[in-house]
Amino acid sequence: MLIEILEVVKSGDYICAAGEVREIEDETAKKWCARGWARDPAGVVPTGARVVLNAQLDVHAGAVGHKATEVK
């Protein structure tokens, strides 16, 4: 299926740039369109709304000032 990439996509074996038009497997193309990452220029497959996941790390200081001990 021919699709237009709407944003940078790194999925599986694919690395695609925004604006790129590519031919990929139908199932993968349908998933990307549903997720809002790509659109179908033919208009057959609807483009979903892009959901941005705000993944944040809760980082805490580890063992500050910890000294290694000898293991016997």
PDB file of N, CA and C in Angstrom:
ATOM      1  N   MET A   1       0.843  -1.171   0.000  1.00  0.00           N
ATOM      2  CA  MET A   1       0.000   0.000   0.000  1.00  0.00           C
ATOM      3  C   MET A   1       0.890   1.237   0.000  1.00  0.00           C
ATOM      4  N   LEU A   2       0.511   2.213  -0.762  1.00  0.00           N
ATOM      5  CA  LEU A   2       1.260   3.463  -0.849  1.00  0.00           C
ATOM      6  C   LEU A   2       0.749   4.421   0.221  1.00  0.00           C
ATOM      7  N   ILE A   3       1.665   4.937   1.048  1.00  0.00           N
ATOM      8  CA  ILE A   3       1.278   5.889   2.091  1.00  0.00           C
ATOM      9  C   ILE A   3       2.228   7.081   2.106  1.00  0.00           C
ATOM     10  N   GLU A   4       1.743   8.185   2.681  1.00  0.00           N
ATOM     11  CA  GLU A   4       2.575   9.366   2.907  1.00  0.00           C
ATOM     12  C   GLU A   4       2.855   9.437   4.396  1.00  0.00           C
ATOM     13  N   ILE A   5       4.118   9.505   4.754  1.00  0.00           N
ATOM     14  CA  ILE A   5       4.531   9.561   6.152  1.00  0.00           C
ATOM     15  C   ILE A   5       4.304  10.980   6.679  1.00  0.00           C
ATOM     16  N   LEU A   6       3.648  11.097   7.838  1.00  0.00           N
ATOM     17  CA  LEU A   6       3.327  12.406   8.402  1.00  0.00           C
ATOM     18  C   LEU A   6       4.341  12.879   9.441  1.00  0.00           C
ATOM     19  N   GLU A   7       5.101  11.956  10.009  1.00  0.00           N
ATOM     20  CA  GLU A   7       6.126  12.300  10.987  1.00  0.00           C
ATOM     21  C   GLU A   7       7.193  11.212  10.961  1.00  0.00           C
ATOM     22  N   VAL A   8       8.299  11.452  11.614  1.00  0.00           N
ATOM     23  CA  VAL A   8       9.366  10.445  11.650  1.00  0.00           C
ATOM     24  C   VAL A   8       8.816   9.176  12.288  1.00  0.00           C
ATOM     25  N   VAL A   9       9.025   8.055  11.596  1.00  0.00           N
ATOM     26  CA  VAL A   9       8.556   6.761  12.081  1.00  0.00           C
ATOM     27  C   VAL A   9       9.754   5.820  12.180  1.00  0.00           C
ATOM     28  N   LYS A  10       9.921   5.227  13.360  1.00  0.00           N
ATOM     29  CA  LYS A  10      10.935   4.183  13.579  1.00  0.00           C
ATOM     30  C   LYS A  10      10.162   3.002  14.139  1.00  0.00           C
ATOM     31  N   SER A  11       9.868   2.053  13.281  1.00  0.00           N
ATOM     32  CA  SER A  11       9.040   0.913  13.674  1.00  0.00           C
ATOM     33  C   SER A  11       9.538  -0.333  12.961  1.00  0.00           C
ATOM     34  N   GLY A  12       9.863  -1.360  13.732  1.00  0.00           N
ATOM     35  CA  GLY A  12      10.353  -2.589  13.118  1.00  0.00           C
ATOM     36  C   GLY A  12      11.603  -2.321  12.304  1.00  0.00           C
ATOM     37  N   ASP A  13      11.567  -2.726  11.047  1.00  0.00           N
ATOM     38  CA  ASP A  13      12.709  -2.508  10.148  1.00  0.00           C
ATOM     39  C   ASP A  13      12.630  -1.180   9.409  1.00  0.00           C
ATOM     40  N   TYR A  14      11.628  -0.377   9.713  1.00  0.00           N
ATOM     41  CA  TYR A  14      11.399   0.872   8.980  1.00  0.00           C
ATOM     42  C   TYR A  14      11.932   2.083   9.733  1.00  0.00           C
ATOM     43  N   ILE A  15      12.558   2.973   8.992  1.00  0.00           N
ATOM     44  CA  ILE A  15      12.897   4.307   9.461  1.00  0.00           C
ATOM     45  C   ILE A  15      12.465   5.237   8.329  1.00  0.00           C
ATOM     46  N   CYS A  16      11.445   6.060   8.595  1.00  0.00           N
ATOM     47  CA  CYS A  16      10.855   6.907   7.562  1.00  0.00           C
ATOM     48  C   CYS A  16      10.845   8.361   8.006  1.00  0.00           C
ATOM     49  N   ALA A  17      11.048   9.265   7.069  1.00  0.00           N
ATOM     50  CA  ALA A  17      11.037  10.697   7.345  1.00  0.00           C
ATOM     51  C   ALA A  17       9.681  11.292   6.982  1.00  0.00           C
ATOM     52  N   ALA A  18       9.325  12.361   7.667  1.00  0.00           N
ATOM     53  CA  ALA A  18       8.076  13.064   7.369  1.00  0.00           C
ATOM     54  C   ALA A  18       8.081  13.537   5.917  1.00  0.00           C
ATOM     55  N   GLY A  19       6.948  13.370   5.237  1.00  0.00           N
ATOM     56  CA  GLY A  19       6.818  13.782   3.843  1.00  0.00           C
ATOM     57  C   GLY A  19       7.188  12.706   2.842  1.00  0.00           C
ATOM     58  N   GLU A  20       7.810  11.657   3.300  1.00  0.00           N
ATOM     59  CA  GLU A  20       8.217  10.560   2.426  1.00  0.00           C
ATOM     60  C   GLU A  20       6.987   9.757   1.977  1.00  0.00           C
ATOM     61  N   VAL A  21       6.973   9.339   0.732  1.00  0.00           N
ATOM     62  CA  VAL A  21       5.906   8.481   0.209  1.00  0.00           C
ATOM     63  C   VAL A  21       6.521   7.110  -0.034  1.00  0.00           C
ATOM     64  N   ARG A  22       5.911   6.078   0.606  1.00  0.00           N
ATOM     65  CA  ARG A  22       6.486   4.735   0.549  1.00  0.00           C
ATOM     66  C   ARG A  22       5.429   3.691   0.275  1.00  0.00           C
ATOM     67  N   GLU A  23       5.879   2.600  -0.279  1.00  0.00           N
ATOM     68  CA  GLU A  23       5.046   1.411  -0.494  1.00  0.00           C
ATOM     69  C   GLU A  23       5.436   0.412   0.598  1.00  0.00           C
ATOM     70  N   ILE A  24       4.484   0.071   1.479  1.00  0.00           N
ATOM     71  CA  ILE A  24       4.750  -0.911   2.530  1.00  0.00           C
ATOM     72  C   ILE A  24       3.590  -1.898   2.607  1.00  0.00           C
ATOM     73  N   GLU A  25       3.757  -2.938   3.423  1.00  0.00           N
ATOM     74  CA  GLU A  25       2.733  -3.968   3.562  1.00  0.00           C
ATOM     75  C   GLU A  25       1.413  -3.342   4.011  1.00  0.00           C
ATOM     76  N   ASP A  26       0.305  -3.876   3.516  1.00  0.00           N
ATOM     77  CA  ASP A  26      -1.017  -3.323   3.808  1.00  0.00           C
ATOM     78  C   ASP A  26      -1.319  -3.243   5.300  1.00  0.00           C
ATOM     79  N   GLU A  27      -1.050  -4.312   6.034  1.00  0.00           N
ATOM     80  CA  GLU A  27      -1.368  -4.323   7.473  1.00  0.00           C
ATOM     81  C   GLU A  27      -0.583  -3.262   8.228  1.00  0.00           C
ATOM     82  N   THR A  28       0.697  -3.130   7.928  1.00  0.00           N
ATOM     83  CA  THR A  28       1.536  -2.111   8.572  1.00  0.00           C
ATOM     84  C   THR A  28       1.046  -0.724   8.201  1.00  0.00           C
ATOM     85  N   ALA A  29       0.731  -0.515   6.937  1.00  0.00           N
ATOM     86  CA  ALA A  29       0.240   0.788   6.478  1.00  0.00           C
ATOM     87  C   ALA A  29      -1.067   1.164   7.170  1.00  0.00           C
ATOM     88  N   LYS A  30      -1.969   0.207   7.322  1.00  0.00           N
ATOM     89  CA  LYS A  30      -3.245   0.475   7.997  1.00  0.00           C
ATOM     90  C   LYS A  30      -3.029   0.852   9.458  1.00  0.00           C
ATOM     91  N   LYS A  31      -2.097   0.172  10.137  1.00  0.00           N
ATOM     92  CA  LYS A  31      -1.787   0.495  11.531  1.00  0.00           C
ATOM     93  C   LYS A  31      -1.222   1.903  11.649  1.00  0.00           C
ATOM     94  N   TRP A  32      -0.284   2.249  10.765  1.00  0.00           N
ATOM     95  CA  TRP A  32       0.327   3.570  10.815  1.00  0.00           C
ATOM     96  C   TRP A  32      -0.696   4.659  10.547  1.00  0.00           C
ATOM     97  N   CYS A  33      -1.593   4.420   9.595  1.00  0.00           N
ATOM     98  CA  CYS A  33      -2.640   5.405   9.302  1.00  0.00           C
ATOM     99  C   CYS A  33      -3.572   5.550  10.500  1.00  0.00           C
ATOM    100  N   ALA A  34      -3.939   4.442  11.115  1.00  0.00           N
ATOM    101  CA  ALA A  34      -4.825   4.469  12.279  1.00  0.00           C
ATOM    102  C   ALA A  34      -4.186   5.223  13.444  1.00  0.00           C
ATOM    103  N   ARG A  35      -2.874   5.149  13.567  1.00  0.00           N
ATOM    104  CA  ARG A  35      -2.156   5.823  14.652  1.00  0.00           C
ATOM    105  C   ARG A  35      -1.838   7.281  14.339  1.00  0.00           C
ATOM    106  N   GLY A  36      -2.129   7.708  13.109  1.00  0.00           N
ATOM    107  CA  GLY A  36      -1.863   9.082  12.725  1.00  0.00           C
ATOM    108  C   GLY A  36      -0.442   9.352  12.289  1.00  0.00           C
ATOM    109  N   TRP A  37       0.326   8.287  12.056  1.00  0.00           N
ATOM    110  CA  TRP A  37       1.714   8.449  11.627  1.00  0.00           C
ATOM    111  C   TRP A  37       1.816   8.651  10.123  1.00  0.00           C
ATOM    112  N   ALA A  38       0.782   8.226   9.386  1.00  0.00           N
ATOM    113  CA  ALA A  38       0.808   8.281   7.918  1.00  0.00           C
ATOM    114  C   ALA A  38      -0.610   8.491   7.408  1.00  0.00           C
ATOM    115  N   ARG A  39      -0.712   8.788   6.114  1.00  0.00           N
ATOM    116  CA  ARG A  39      -2.032   8.912   5.498  1.00  0.00           C
ATOM    117  C   ARG A  39      -2.028   8.187   4.162  1.00  0.00           C
ATOM    118  N   ASP A  40      -3.210   7.742   3.789  1.00  0.00           N
ATOM    119  CA  ASP A  40      -3.396   7.044   2.521  1.00  0.00           C
ATOM    120  C   ASP A  40      -3.753   8.079   1.462  1.00  0.00           C
ATOM    121  N   PRO A  41      -2.850   8.358   0.487  1.00  0.00           N
ATOM    122  CA  PRO A  41      -3.145   9.353  -0.544  1.00  0.00           C
ATOM    123  C   PRO A  41      -4.409   9.023  -1.347  1.00  0.00           C
ATOM    124  N   ALA A  42      -4.766   7.748  -1.451  1.00  0.00           N
ATOM    125  CA  ALA A  42      -5.969   7.355  -2.187  1.00  0.00           C
ATOM    126  C   ALA A  42      -7.235   7.651  -1.388  1.00  0.00           C
ATOM    127  N   GLY A  43      -7.079   7.857  -0.065  1.00  0.00           N
ATOM    128  CA  GLY A  43      -8.219   8.185   0.777  1.00  0.00           C
ATOM    129  C   GLY A  43      -9.072   7.000   1.193  1.00  0.00           C
ATOM    130  N   VAL A  44      -8.617   5.792   0.925  1.00  0.00           N
ATOM    131  CA  VAL A  44      -9.384   4.589   1.267  1.00  0.00           C
ATOM    132  C   VAL A  44      -9.300   4.308   2.766  1.00  0.00           C
ATOM    133  N   VAL A  45      -8.098   4.424   3.340  1.00  0.00           N
ATOM    134  CA  VAL A  45      -7.884   4.165   4.759  1.00  0.00           C
ATOM    135  C   VAL A  45      -7.895   5.502   5.499  1.00  0.00           C
ATOM    136  N   PRO A  46      -8.774   5.656   6.504  1.00  0.00           N
ATOM    137  CA  PRO A  46      -8.817   6.924   7.242  1.00  0.00           C
ATOM    138  C   PRO A  46      -7.579   7.127   8.105  1.00  0.00           C
ATOM    139  N   THR A  47      -7.217   8.386   8.299  1.00  0.00           N
ATOM    140  CA  THR A  47      -6.083   8.740   9.146  1.00  0.00           C
ATOM    141  C   THR A  47      -6.601   9.028  10.544  1.00  0.00           C
ATOM    142  N   GLY A  48      -6.055   8.315  11.524  1.00  0.00           N
ATOM    143  CA  GLY A  48      -6.463   8.498  12.915  1.00  0.00           C
ATOM    144  C   GLY A  48      -5.819   9.720  13.534  1.00  0.00           C
ATOM    145  N   ALA A  49      -6.313  10.074  14.708  1.00  0.00           N
ATOM    146  CA  ALA A  49      -5.740  11.190  15.459  1.00  0.00           C
ATOM    147  C   ALA A  49      -4.453  10.723  16.135  1.00  0.00           C
ATOM    148  N   ARG A  50      -3.437  11.537  16.035  1.00  0.00           N
ATOM    149  CA  ARG A  50      -2.142  11.212  16.641  1.00  0.00           C
ATOM    150  C   ARG A  50      -2.246  11.371  18.148  1.00  0.00           C
ATOM    151  N   VAL A  51      -1.897  10.338  18.894  1.00  0.00           N
ATOM    152  CA  VAL A  51      -1.885  10.376  20.345  1.00  0.00           C
ATOM    153  C   VAL A  51      -0.431  10.444  20.787  1.00  0.00           C
ATOM    154  N   VAL A  52      -0.094  11.500  21.506  1.00  0.00           N
ATOM    155  CA  VAL A  52       1.272  11.668  21.990  1.00  0.00           C
ATOM    156  C   VAL A  52       1.331  11.136  23.408  1.00  0.00           C
ATOM    157  N   LEU A  53       2.169  10.150  23.605  1.00  0.00           N
ATOM    158  CA  LEU A  53       2.374   9.600  24.938  1.00  0.00           C
ATOM    159  C   LEU A  53       3.467  10.397  25.624  1.00  0.00           C
ATOM    160  N   ASN A  54       3.161  10.912  26.779  1.00  0.00           N
ATOM    161  CA  ASN A  54       4.131  11.716  27.517  1.00  0.00           C
ATOM    162  C   ASN A  54       4.862  10.816  28.500  1.00  0.00           C
ATOM    163  N   ALA A  55       5.802  10.071  27.971  1.00  0.00           N
ATOM    164  CA  ALA A  55       6.573   9.144  28.811  1.00  0.00           C
ATOM    165  C   ALA A  55       7.650   9.931  29.547  1.00  0.00           C
ATOM    166  N   GLN A  56       7.576   9.917  30.864  1.00  0.00           N
ATOM    167  CA  GLN A  56       8.558  10.625  31.675  1.00  0.00           C
ATOM    168  C   GLN A  56       9.216   9.645  32.619  1.00  0.00           C
ATOM    169  N   LEU A  57      10.482   9.873  32.863  1.00  0.00           N
ATOM    170  CA  LEU A  57      11.220   9.050  33.807  1.00  0.00           C
ATOM    171  C   LEU A  57      11.230   9.732  35.165  1.00  0.00           C
ATOM    172  N   ASP A  58      11.015   8.990  36.206  1.00  0.00           N
ATOM    173  CA  ASP A  58      11.089   9.504  37.566  1.00  0.00           C
ATOM    174  C   ASP A  58      12.443   9.079  38.113  1.00  0.00           C
ATOM    175  N   VAL A  59      13.439   9.938  37.929  1.00  0.00           N
ATOM    176  CA  VAL A  59      14.818   9.599  38.265  1.00  0.00           C
ATOM    177  C   VAL A  59      15.143  10.076  39.672  1.00  0.00           C
ATOM    178  N   HIS A  60      15.698   9.184  40.466  1.00  0.00           N
ATOM    179  CA  HIS A  60      16.140   9.513  41.817  1.00  0.00           C
ATOM    180  C   HIS A  60      17.623   9.206  41.914  1.00  0.00           C
ATOM    181  N   ALA A  61      18.278   9.934  42.803  1.00  0.00           N
ATOM    182  CA  ALA A  61      19.700   9.686  43.003  1.00  0.00           C
ATOM    183  C   ALA A  61      19.872   8.270  43.550  1.00  0.00           C
ATOM    184  N   GLY A  62      20.829   7.575  43.037  1.00  0.00           N
ATOM    185  CA  GLY A  62      21.108   6.225  43.514  1.00  0.00           C
ATOM    186  C   GLY A  62      21.855   6.287  44.829  1.00  0.00           C
ATOM    187  N   ALA A  63      22.848   5.504  44.950  1.00  0.00           N
ATOM    188  CA  ALA A  63      23.646   5.462  46.172  1.00  0.00           C
ATOM    189  C   ALA A  63      24.769   6.480  46.054  1.00  0.00           C
ATOM    190  N   VAL A  64      24.488   7.712  46.434  1.00  0.00           N
ATOM    191  CA  VAL A  64      25.488   8.764  46.357  1.00  0.00           C
ATOM    192  C   VAL A  64      26.475   8.577  47.497  1.00  0.00           C
ATOM    193  N   GLY A  65      27.742   8.621  47.174  1.00  0.00           N
ATOM    194  CA  GLY A  65      28.768   8.467  48.187  1.00  0.00           C
ATOM    195  C   GLY A  65      29.012   7.021  48.588  1.00  0.00           C
ATOM    196  N   HIS A  66      28.405   6.101  47.870  1.00  0.00           N
ATOM    197  CA  HIS A  66      28.574   4.669  48.172  1.00  0.00           C
ATOM    198  C   HIS A  66      29.983   4.251  47.762  1.00  0.00           C
ATOM    199  N   LYS A  67      30.624   3.517  48.659  1.00  0.00           N
ATOM    200  CA  LYS A  67      31.967   3.020  48.343  1.00  0.00           C
ATOM    201  C   LYS A  67      31.902   1.526  48.119  1.00  0.00           C
ATOM    202  N   ALA A  68      32.612   1.074  47.110  1.00  0.00           N
ATOM    203  CA  ALA A  68      32.648  -0.342  46.813  1.00  0.00           C
ATOM    204  C   ALA A  68      33.310  -1.111  47.956  1.00  0.00           C
ATOM    205  N   THR A  69      32.812  -2.300  48.159  1.00  0.00           N
ATOM    206  CA  THR A  69      33.422  -3.158  49.170  1.00  0.00           C
ATOM    207  C   THR A  69      34.037  -4.357  48.473  1.00  0.00           C
ATOM    208  N   GLU A  70      35.027  -4.890  49.093  1.00  0.00           N
ATOM    209  CA  GLU A  70      35.702  -6.041  48.497  1.00  0.00           C
ATOM    210  C   GLU A  70      34.855  -7.291  48.710  1.00  0.00           C
ATOM    211  N   VAL A  71      34.705  -8.053  47.657  1.00  0.00           N
ATOM    212  CA  VAL A  71      33.941  -9.287  47.720  1.00  0.00           C
ATOM    213  C   VAL A  71      34.931 -10.440  47.802  1.00  0.00           C
ATOM    214  N   LYS A  72      34.737 -11.308  48.778  1.00  0.00           N
ATOM    215  CA  LYS A  72      35.659 -12.426  48.943  1.00  0.00           C
ATOM    216  C   LYS A  72      34.972 -13.716  48.654  1.00  0.00           C
TER     217      LYS A  72
END
